[in-house]
Amino acid sequence: MTIHDEHGDTIESKRFAATAEEGPTGLLERLGSEVRHVFARCGALPLTIVQDGAPELWNLVEDLLASRN
């Protein structure tokens, strides 16, 4: 997760990862928590998601985003 300023320069970056044994659930919980924290701190910001094309991961991310509304 990277936060950019109005000029596109990086302010802060955080990496999230999970092993195959852990699976994506904990990773998405940590990521969701961090996104909520940033939005609470900074207000509404544009959100762009970059990941591979695995449909199962996109479904999980869509669920995460739907739960924030």
Protein backbone atom coordinates (compact mmCIF):
# COMPACT_ATOMS: atom_id res chain seq x y z
CA MET A 1 0.00 0.00 0.00
CA THR A 2 1.43 3.35 -1.03
CA ILE A 3 0.14 6.81 -0.24
CA HIS A 4 1.04 9.57 -2.70
CA ASP A 5 0.87 13.33 -2.37
CA GLU A 6 -0.91 15.61 -4.84
CA HIS A 7 2.18 15.55 -7.09
CA GLY A 8 2.35 11.75 -7.18
CA ASP A 9 5.36 11.54 -4.90
CA THR A 10 5.39 8.70 -2.38
CA ILE A 11 4.64 9.70 1.20
CA GLU A 12 4.47 6.24 2.77
CA SER A 13 4.61 2.61 1.65
CA LYS A 14 3.66 -0.56 3.51
CA ARG A 15 3.94 -4.12 2.29
CA PHE A 16 1.50 -6.89 3.13
CA ALA A 17 2.14 -10.57 2.53
CA ALA A 18 0.89 -14.00 3.50
CA THR A 19 2.28 -17.47 3.06
CA ALA A 20 0.40 -20.13 1.13
CA GLU A 21 -0.46 -21.79 4.43
CA GLU A 22 -1.89 -18.56 5.86
CA GLY A 23 -4.03 -17.85 2.82
CA PRO A 24 -5.50 -14.49 1.88
CA THR A 25 -7.96 -13.98 4.73
CA GLY A 26 -5.57 -12.53 7.30
CA LEU A 27 -3.81 -10.49 4.64
CA LEU A 28 -7.05 -8.87 3.53
CA GLU A 29 -8.05 -8.19 7.13
CA ARG A 30 -4.74 -6.40 7.74
CA LEU A 31 -5.01 -4.49 4.48
CA GLY A 32 -8.62 -3.51 5.15
CA SER A 33 -7.74 -2.31 8.61
CA GLU A 34 -4.92 -0.18 7.24
CA VAL A 35 -7.11 1.31 4.50
CA ARG A 36 -9.78 2.21 7.07
CA HIS A 37 -7.11 3.80 9.27
CA VAL A 38 -5.76 5.92 6.40
CA PHE A 39 -9.26 7.03 5.36
CA ALA A 40 -10.05 7.97 8.97
CA ARG A 41 -6.81 9.94 9.20
CA CYS A 42 -6.81 11.56 5.75
CA GLY A 43 -10.42 11.54 4.58
CA ALA A 44 -11.61 10.20 1.26
CA LEU A 45 -8.70 9.48 -1.05
CA PRO A 46 -8.66 7.88 -4.48
CA LEU A 47 -8.06 4.15 -4.13
CA THR A 48 -6.35 2.11 -6.85
CA ILE A 49 -5.76 -1.62 -6.54
CA VAL A 50 -2.99 -3.37 -8.44
CA GLN A 51 -2.72 -7.14 -8.25
CA ASP A 52 -2.49 -10.13 -10.52
CA GLY A 53 -5.47 -11.33 -12.52
CA ALA A 54 -6.43 -14.28 -10.32
CA PRO A 55 -10.26 -14.14 -10.18
CA GLU A 56 -10.37 -15.59 -6.67
CA LEU A 57 -8.26 -12.70 -5.37
CA TRP A 58 -10.35 -10.08 -7.16
CA ASN A 59 -13.49 -11.58 -5.62
CA LEU A 60 -11.94 -11.27 -2.15
CA VAL A 61 -10.91 -7.66 -2.80
CA GLU A 62 -14.37 -6.79 -4.11
CA ASP A 63 -15.86 -8.22 -0.91
CA LEU A 64 -13.42 -6.18 1.18
CA LEU A 65 -14.32 -2.98 -0.66
CA ALA A 66 -18.06 -3.67 -0.47
CA SER A 67 -17.78 -4.07 3.31
CA ARG A 68 -16.28 -0.57 3.68
CA ASN A 69 -19.37 1.15 2.22
